[in-house]
Amino acid sequence: MRIGKDQYYLKIAETIAVRSTCLRRQYGAVIVNNDIIVATGYNGAPRGEPNCCDAGKCYCREHPTPLDPHAAGHGSQYGSCVAVHAEQNAITCAARKDMQGGTLYLATTDLEVDPAPCNICDRMIKNAGITKVVTRAGAL
């Protein structure tokens, strides 16, 4: 049986998440517009900076932070973590005109978690002109 397009793009986002350099949680994002993949991204250190997986340590593992992306305070220590979120990496790799009216697919390798953009990523998604975010739970 052929899978639907949402499942197809979510599977691609899950595969992209495997490239994450974060020791705590791996996320992948795919921006799609008019059935064309515009950009992809995964969470990790900025280009040229040491990755947590290479350094063997993670700020978020060493300090208490909310794990649940829906919990109050999720993303509140964003400035302390070196990682750039998957959504941000995807958005910065695309032209705004290509994202207008598009959909962002967000996935994680942790099957017990349904990801959701933090408030900073949510604002970036809106500012980029992306009109829909899809996760395993459906559209946000």
N, C-alpha and C. Protein backbone atom coordinates (compact mmCIF):
# COMPACT_ATOMS: atom_id res chain seq x y z
N MET A 1 0.84 -1.19 0.00
CA MET A 1 0.00 0.00 0.00
C MET A 1 0.89 1.25 0.00
N ARG A 2 0.53 2.19 -0.79
CA ARG A 2 1.28 3.43 -0.93
C ARG A 2 0.97 4.37 0.24
N ILE A 3 2.02 4.92 0.87
CA ILE A 3 1.79 5.84 1.98
C ILE A 3 1.41 7.22 1.46
N GLY A 4 0.73 7.98 2.30
CA GLY A 4 0.33 9.33 1.94
C GLY A 4 1.52 10.29 1.96
N LYS A 5 1.31 11.47 1.41
CA LYS A 5 2.41 12.43 1.32
C LYS A 5 2.89 12.92 2.68
N ASP A 6 1.97 13.11 3.63
CA ASP A 6 2.41 13.53 4.96
C ASP A 6 3.33 12.49 5.58
N GLN A 7 2.96 11.22 5.48
CA GLN A 7 3.81 10.14 6.02
C GLN A 7 5.14 10.09 5.29
N TYR A 8 5.11 10.29 3.97
CA TYR A 8 6.31 10.28 3.15
C TYR A 8 7.30 11.35 3.62
N TYR A 9 6.81 12.59 3.76
CA TYR A 9 7.70 13.68 4.18
C TYR A 9 8.12 13.54 5.64
N LEU A 10 7.26 12.98 6.49
CA LEU A 10 7.66 12.74 7.88
C LEU A 10 8.75 11.69 7.95
N LYS A 11 8.69 10.67 7.12
CA LYS A 11 9.75 9.64 7.09
C LYS A 11 11.07 10.27 6.64
N ILE A 12 11.02 11.18 5.70
CA ILE A 12 12.23 11.89 5.27
C ILE A 12 12.78 12.71 6.44
N ALA A 13 11.89 13.40 7.18
CA ALA A 13 12.31 14.19 8.34
C ALA A 13 12.94 13.29 9.41
N GLU A 14 12.39 12.10 9.61
CA GLU A 14 12.96 11.15 10.58
C GLU A 14 14.36 10.72 10.14
N THR A 15 14.54 10.50 8.86
CA THR A 15 15.85 10.11 8.33
C THR A 15 16.85 11.24 8.51
N ILE A 16 16.42 12.47 8.27
CA ILE A 16 17.29 13.63 8.45
C ILE A 16 17.69 13.78 9.91
N ALA A 17 16.78 13.45 10.82
CA ALA A 17 17.05 13.57 12.26
C ALA A 17 18.25 12.71 12.68
N VAL A 18 18.50 11.64 11.98
CA VAL A 18 19.63 10.76 12.32
C VAL A 18 20.97 11.49 12.16
N ARG A 19 21.02 12.55 11.37
CA ARG A 19 22.24 13.34 11.20
C ARG A 19 22.49 14.32 12.35
N SER A 20 21.53 14.47 13.25
CA SER A 20 21.65 15.39 14.36
C SER A 20 22.92 15.13 15.16
N THR A 21 23.51 16.20 15.68
CA THR A 21 24.71 16.06 16.51
C THR A 21 24.38 16.22 17.98
N CYS A 22 23.11 16.30 18.33
CA CYS A 22 22.67 16.46 19.71
C CYS A 22 22.66 15.11 20.43
N LEU A 23 23.18 15.10 21.64
CA LEU A 23 23.19 13.87 22.43
C LEU A 23 21.86 13.61 23.13
N ARG A 24 21.06 14.63 23.28
CA ARG A 24 19.82 14.52 24.05
C ARG A 24 18.65 14.06 23.21
N ARG A 25 18.45 14.70 22.08
CA ARG A 25 17.32 14.34 21.23
C ARG A 25 17.63 14.74 19.80
N GLN A 26 17.22 13.90 18.85
CA GLN A 26 17.50 14.15 17.44
C GLN A 26 16.22 14.56 16.72
N TYR A 27 16.27 15.73 16.06
CA TYR A 27 15.13 16.26 15.31
C TYR A 27 15.53 16.47 13.85
N GLY A 28 14.55 16.32 12.98
CA GLY A 28 14.74 16.61 11.57
C GLY A 28 13.56 17.41 11.06
N ALA A 29 13.81 18.30 10.12
CA ALA A 29 12.76 19.13 9.55
C ALA A 29 12.88 19.13 8.03
N VAL A 30 11.73 19.14 7.37
CA VAL A 30 11.67 19.23 5.92
C VAL A 30 10.65 20.31 5.58
N ILE A 31 11.05 21.26 4.75
CA ILE A 31 10.12 22.28 4.26
C ILE A 31 9.72 21.89 2.85
N VAL A 32 8.41 21.80 2.62
CA VAL A 32 7.87 21.38 1.33
C VAL A 32 6.90 22.44 0.84
N ASN A 33 7.00 22.75 -0.45
CA ASN A 33 6.06 23.68 -1.06
C ASN A 33 5.75 23.19 -2.46
N ASN A 34 4.47 23.09 -2.77
CA ASN A 34 4.02 22.59 -4.07
C ASN A 34 4.65 21.23 -4.39
N ASP A 35 4.71 20.39 -3.37
CA ASP A 35 5.23 19.02 -3.50
C ASP A 35 6.70 18.98 -3.88
N ILE A 36 7.43 20.02 -3.57
CA ILE A 36 8.88 20.08 -3.81
C ILE A 36 9.57 20.33 -2.48
N ILE A 37 10.60 19.55 -2.18
CA ILE A 37 11.38 19.78 -0.96
C ILE A 37 12.23 21.03 -1.17
N VAL A 38 11.97 22.03 -0.34
CA VAL A 38 12.65 23.32 -0.44
C VAL A 38 13.94 23.32 0.37
N ALA A 39 13.89 22.73 1.57
CA ALA A 39 15.06 22.71 2.44
C ALA A 39 14.87 21.65 3.52
N THR A 40 15.99 21.23 4.10
CA THR A 40 15.97 20.31 5.23
C THR A 40 16.89 20.83 6.31
N GLY A 41 16.71 20.33 7.52
CA GLY A 41 17.60 20.71 8.61
C GLY A 41 17.49 19.73 9.75
N TYR A 42 18.56 19.65 10.53
CA TYR A 42 18.55 18.85 11.75
C TYR A 42 19.18 19.68 12.85
N ASN A 43 18.94 19.29 14.10
CA ASN A 43 19.47 20.07 15.21
C ASN A 43 20.92 19.72 15.50
N GLY A 44 21.66 20.76 15.85
CA GLY A 44 23.07 20.58 16.17
C GLY A 44 23.78 21.91 16.28
N ALA A 45 25.04 21.84 16.60
CA ALA A 45 25.86 23.05 16.76
C ALA A 45 25.94 23.83 15.45
N PRO A 46 26.14 25.14 15.53
CA PRO A 46 26.31 25.93 14.31
C PRO A 46 27.52 25.45 13.51
N ARG A 47 27.49 25.70 12.22
CA ARG A 47 28.61 25.30 11.36
C ARG A 47 29.93 25.83 11.93
N GLY A 48 30.92 24.96 11.95
CA GLY A 48 32.25 25.34 12.41
C GLY A 48 32.44 25.27 13.92
N GLU A 49 31.37 25.05 14.68
CA GLU A 49 31.47 24.94 16.13
C GLU A 49 31.56 23.46 16.53
N PRO A 50 32.15 23.17 17.69
CA PRO A 50 32.22 21.78 18.14
C PRO A 50 30.82 21.20 18.37
N ASN A 51 30.60 19.99 17.91
CA ASN A 51 29.34 19.30 18.11
C ASN A 51 29.34 18.58 19.45
N CYS A 52 28.18 18.49 20.07
CA CYS A 52 28.06 17.78 21.35
C CYS A 52 28.46 16.31 21.19
N CYS A 53 28.08 15.69 20.07
CA CYS A 53 28.41 14.27 19.89
C CYS A 53 29.92 14.07 19.77
N ASP A 54 30.65 15.07 19.26
CA ASP A 54 32.11 14.98 19.17
C ASP A 54 32.76 15.32 20.51
N ALA A 55 32.18 16.29 21.22
CA ALA A 55 32.73 16.71 22.52
C ALA A 55 32.38 15.71 23.62
N GLY A 56 31.29 14.96 23.41
CA GLY A 56 30.88 13.97 24.40
C GLY A 56 30.15 14.55 25.60
N LYS A 57 29.68 15.80 25.48
CA LYS A 57 28.91 16.38 26.57
C LYS A 57 27.81 17.29 26.02
N CYS A 58 26.77 17.41 26.83
CA CYS A 58 25.58 18.15 26.41
C CYS A 58 25.11 19.02 27.57
N TYR A 59 24.96 20.31 27.32
CA TYR A 59 24.50 21.23 28.37
C TYR A 59 23.16 20.76 28.94
N CYS A 60 22.25 20.38 28.07
CA CYS A 60 20.90 20.02 28.51
C CYS A 60 20.87 18.71 29.30
N ARG A 61 21.82 17.85 29.06
CA ARG A 61 21.91 16.62 29.86
C ARG A 61 22.50 16.91 31.23
N GLU A 62 23.32 17.94 31.31
CA GLU A 62 24.01 18.26 32.57
C GLU A 62 23.22 19.24 33.43
N HIS A 63 22.16 19.86 32.88
CA HIS A 63 21.36 20.82 33.62
C HIS A 63 19.88 20.46 33.44
N PRO A 64 19.08 20.66 34.48
CA PRO A 64 17.66 20.30 34.37
C PRO A 64 16.93 21.19 33.36
N THR A 65 16.31 20.55 32.38
CA THR A 65 15.50 21.25 31.39
C THR A 65 14.26 20.41 31.11
N PRO A 66 13.13 21.03 30.78
CA PRO A 66 11.93 20.26 30.46
C PRO A 66 12.14 19.43 29.19
N LEU A 67 11.91 18.13 29.27
CA LEU A 67 12.06 17.26 28.11
C LEU A 67 10.84 17.32 27.20
N ASP A 68 9.67 17.47 27.80
CA ASP A 68 8.43 17.45 27.03
C ASP A 68 8.30 18.74 26.23
N PRO A 69 8.23 18.64 24.88
CA PRO A 69 8.14 19.86 24.08
C PRO A 69 6.85 20.65 24.32
N HIS A 70 5.86 20.03 24.98
CA HIS A 70 4.60 20.72 25.27
C HIS A 70 4.59 21.28 26.70
N ALA A 71 5.64 21.00 27.48
CA ALA A 71 5.69 21.43 28.88
C ALA A 71 6.01 22.91 29.00
N ALA A 72 5.50 23.50 30.06
CA ALA A 72 5.84 24.89 30.35
C ALA A 72 7.34 24.99 30.56
N GLY A 73 7.95 25.97 30.00
CA GLY A 73 9.39 26.15 30.16
C GLY A 73 10.21 25.47 29.07
N HIS A 74 9.56 24.67 28.20
CA HIS A 74 10.31 24.03 27.11
C HIS A 74 10.90 25.14 26.23
N GLY A 75 12.17 25.05 25.99
CA GLY A 75 12.84 26.07 25.19
C GLY A 75 13.29 27.28 25.99
N SER A 76 13.00 27.26 27.32
CA SER A 76 13.34 28.43 28.14
C SER A 76 14.84 28.60 28.34
N GLN A 77 15.60 27.53 28.18
CA GLN A 77 17.05 27.62 28.32
C GLN A 77 17.72 27.54 26.96
N TYR A 78 17.01 27.97 25.95
CA TYR A 78 17.50 27.88 24.58
C TYR A 78 18.87 28.53 24.42
N GLY A 79 19.07 29.66 25.06
CA GLY A 79 20.34 30.38 24.92
C GLY A 79 21.53 29.67 25.53
N SER A 80 21.30 28.72 26.42
CA SER A 80 22.39 28.00 27.07
C SER A 80 22.87 26.81 26.26
N CYS A 81 22.02 26.28 25.42
CA CYS A 81 22.35 25.12 24.59
C CYS A 81 23.02 25.60 23.30
N VAL A 82 24.04 24.88 22.84
CA VAL A 82 24.74 25.31 21.62
C VAL A 82 23.98 24.94 20.35
N ALA A 83 22.98 24.08 20.44
CA ALA A 83 22.30 23.58 19.24
C ALA A 83 21.41 24.63 18.57
N VAL A 84 21.40 24.56 17.26
CA VAL A 84 20.44 25.29 16.45
C VAL A 84 19.34 24.27 16.15
N HIS A 85 18.09 24.66 16.30
CA HIS A 85 16.98 23.73 16.09
C HIS A 85 16.85 23.34 14.62
N ALA A 86 16.28 22.17 14.39
CA ALA A 86 16.11 21.64 13.04
C ALA A 86 15.30 22.60 12.17
N GLU A 87 14.24 23.16 12.74
CA GLU A 87 13.40 24.10 11.99
C GLU A 87 14.20 25.32 11.56
N GLN A 88 15.04 25.83 12.47
CA GLN A 88 15.85 27.01 12.17
C GLN A 88 16.87 26.71 11.07
N ASN A 89 17.50 25.55 11.15
CA ASN A 89 18.47 25.18 10.12
C ASN A 89 17.80 25.05 8.75
N ALA A 90 16.61 24.49 8.72
CA ALA A 90 15.90 24.36 7.44
C ALA A 90 15.51 25.75 6.90
N ILE A 91 14.98 26.59 7.77
CA ILE A 91 14.54 27.93 7.34
C ILE A 91 15.71 28.76 6.82
N THR A 92 16.85 28.69 7.49
CA THR A 92 17.99 29.51 7.06
C THR A 92 18.62 29.00 5.76
N CYS A 93 18.26 27.80 5.34
CA CYS A 93 18.79 27.25 4.09
C CYS A 93 17.87 27.48 2.90
N ALA A 94 16.79 28.21 3.09
CA ALA A 94 15.82 28.40 2.02
C ALA A 94 15.55 29.89 1.79
N ALA A 95 15.15 30.20 0.60
CA ALA A 95 14.71 31.56 0.28
C ALA A 95 13.27 31.74 0.75
N ARG A 96 12.95 32.90 1.30
CA ARG A 96 11.60 33.15 1.82
C ARG A 96 10.54 32.92 0.75
N LYS A 97 10.82 33.33 -0.47
CA LYS A 97 9.84 33.17 -1.55
C LYS A 97 9.50 31.71 -1.80
N ASP A 98 10.44 30.81 -1.53
CA ASP A 98 10.21 29.39 -1.73
C ASP A 98 9.43 28.74 -0.59
N MET A 99 9.38 29.43 0.56
CA MET A 99 8.67 28.87 1.72
C MET A 99 7.25 29.39 1.84
N GLN A 100 6.90 30.46 1.14
CA GLN A 100 5.58 31.08 1.24
C GLN A 100 4.48 30.06 0.98
N GLY A 101 3.62 29.84 1.98
CA GLY A 101 2.51 28.90 1.85
C GLY A 101 2.92 27.44 1.98
N GLY A 102 4.16 27.20 2.37
CA GLY A 102 4.67 25.83 2.47
C GLY A 102 4.32 25.14 3.77
N THR A 103 4.77 23.91 3.87
CA THR A 103 4.54 23.07 5.05
C THR A 103 5.89 22.63 5.60
N LEU A 104 6.02 22.67 6.92
CA LEU A 104 7.22 22.16 7.58
C LEU A 104 6.85 20.84 8.27
N TYR A 105 7.59 19.80 7.94
CA TYR A 105 7.43 18.49 8.57
C TYR A 105 8.51 18.35 9.62
N LEU A 106 8.11 18.01 10.85
CA LEU A 106 9.03 17.95 11.97
C LEU A 106 8.94 16.57 12.62
N ALA A 107 10.09 15.92 12.77
CA ALA A 107 10.12 14.57 13.34
C ALA A 107 11.31 14.41 14.27
N THR A 108 11.22 13.42 15.12
CA THR A 108 12.31 13.06 16.01
C THR A 108 12.51 11.55 15.95
N THR A 109 13.69 11.11 16.32
CA THR A 109 13.97 9.68 16.35
C THR A 109 13.36 9.03 17.59
N ASP A 110 12.96 9.83 18.58
CA ASP A 110 12.35 9.32 19.81
C ASP A 110 10.87 9.10 19.56
N LEU A 111 10.48 7.85 19.43
CA LEU A 111 9.09 7.53 19.09
C LEU A 111 8.11 7.81 20.22
N GLU A 112 8.62 8.10 21.42
CA GLU A 112 7.73 8.41 22.54
C GLU A 112 7.40 9.90 22.62
N VAL A 113 8.01 10.70 21.76
CA VAL A 113 7.82 12.15 21.78
C VAL A 113 7.23 12.61 20.46
N ASP A 114 6.21 13.45 20.55
CA ASP A 114 5.71 14.10 19.35
C ASP A 114 6.23 15.53 19.41
N PRO A 115 7.13 15.89 18.49
CA PRO A 115 7.76 17.21 18.59
C PRO A 115 6.80 18.36 18.31
N ALA A 116 7.18 19.50 18.83
CA ALA A 116 6.46 20.74 18.57
C ALA A 116 7.49 21.86 18.55
N PRO A 117 7.34 22.83 17.67
CA PRO A 117 8.29 23.94 17.65
C PRO A 117 8.26 24.72 18.96
N CYS A 118 9.43 25.16 19.41
CA CYS A 118 9.48 26.05 20.57
C CYS A 118 8.92 27.41 20.14
N ASN A 119 8.77 28.32 21.09
CA ASN A 119 8.17 29.61 20.72
C ASN A 119 9.04 30.41 19.76
N ILE A 120 10.36 30.28 19.84
CA ILE A 120 11.23 31.00 18.91
C ILE A 120 11.07 30.41 17.50
N CYS A 121 11.09 29.08 17.40
CA CYS A 121 10.92 28.44 16.09
C CYS A 121 9.54 28.73 15.52
N ASP A 122 8.53 28.75 16.39
CA ASP A 122 7.17 29.05 15.93
C ASP A 122 7.12 30.43 15.27
N ARG A 123 7.79 31.40 15.87
CA ARG A 123 7.82 32.75 15.29
C ARG A 123 8.58 32.76 13.97
N MET A 124 9.69 32.01 13.91
CA MET A 124 10.47 31.95 12.66
C MET A 124 9.66 31.30 11.55
N ILE A 125 8.91 30.25 11.89
CA ILE A 125 8.08 29.55 10.91
C ILE A 125 7.04 30.51 10.34
N LYS A 126 6.39 31.24 11.21
CA LYS A 126 5.38 32.22 10.76
C LYS A 126 6.03 33.30 9.91
N ASN A 127 7.18 33.81 10.34
CA ASN A 127 7.85 34.88 9.61
C ASN A 127 8.34 34.42 8.24
N ALA A 128 8.66 33.13 8.13
CA ALA A 128 9.12 32.58 6.85
C ALA A 128 7.98 32.40 5.86
N GLY A 129 6.74 32.49 6.35
CA GLY A 129 5.59 32.32 5.47
C GLY A 129 5.09 30.88 5.40
N ILE A 130 5.66 30.02 6.23
CA ILE A 130 5.20 28.62 6.29
C ILE A 130 3.85 28.62 7.00
N THR A 131 2.87 27.97 6.40
CA THR A 131 1.51 28.05 6.92
C THR A 131 1.06 26.80 7.68
N LYS A 132 1.84 25.73 7.63
CA LYS A 132 1.42 24.49 8.27
C LYS A 132 2.63 23.73 8.80
N VAL A 133 2.49 23.15 9.99
CA VAL A 133 3.51 22.28 10.57
C VAL A 133 2.87 20.92 10.79
N VAL A 134 3.53 19.86 10.34
CA VAL A 134 2.98 18.51 10.48
C VAL A 134 3.97 17.65 11.28
N THR A 135 3.43 16.94 12.27
CA THR A 135 4.19 15.96 13.06
C THR A 135 3.42 14.64 13.03
N ARG A 136 3.92 13.64 13.74
CA ARG A 136 3.22 12.35 13.77
C ARG A 136 1.79 12.50 14.25
N ALA A 137 1.53 13.45 15.15
CA ALA A 137 0.18 13.64 15.70
C ALA A 137 -0.74 14.35 14.71
N GLY A 138 -0.19 14.89 13.64
CA GLY A 138 -1.00 15.61 12.66
C GLY A 138 -0.53 17.05 12.50
N ALA A 139 -1.39 17.86 11.93
CA ALA A 139 -1.05 19.26 11.68
C ALA A 139 -1.21 20.08 12.95
N LEU A 140 -0.25 20.98 13.17
CA LEU A 140 -0.32 21.90 14.31
C LEU A 140 -0.89 23.23 13.87
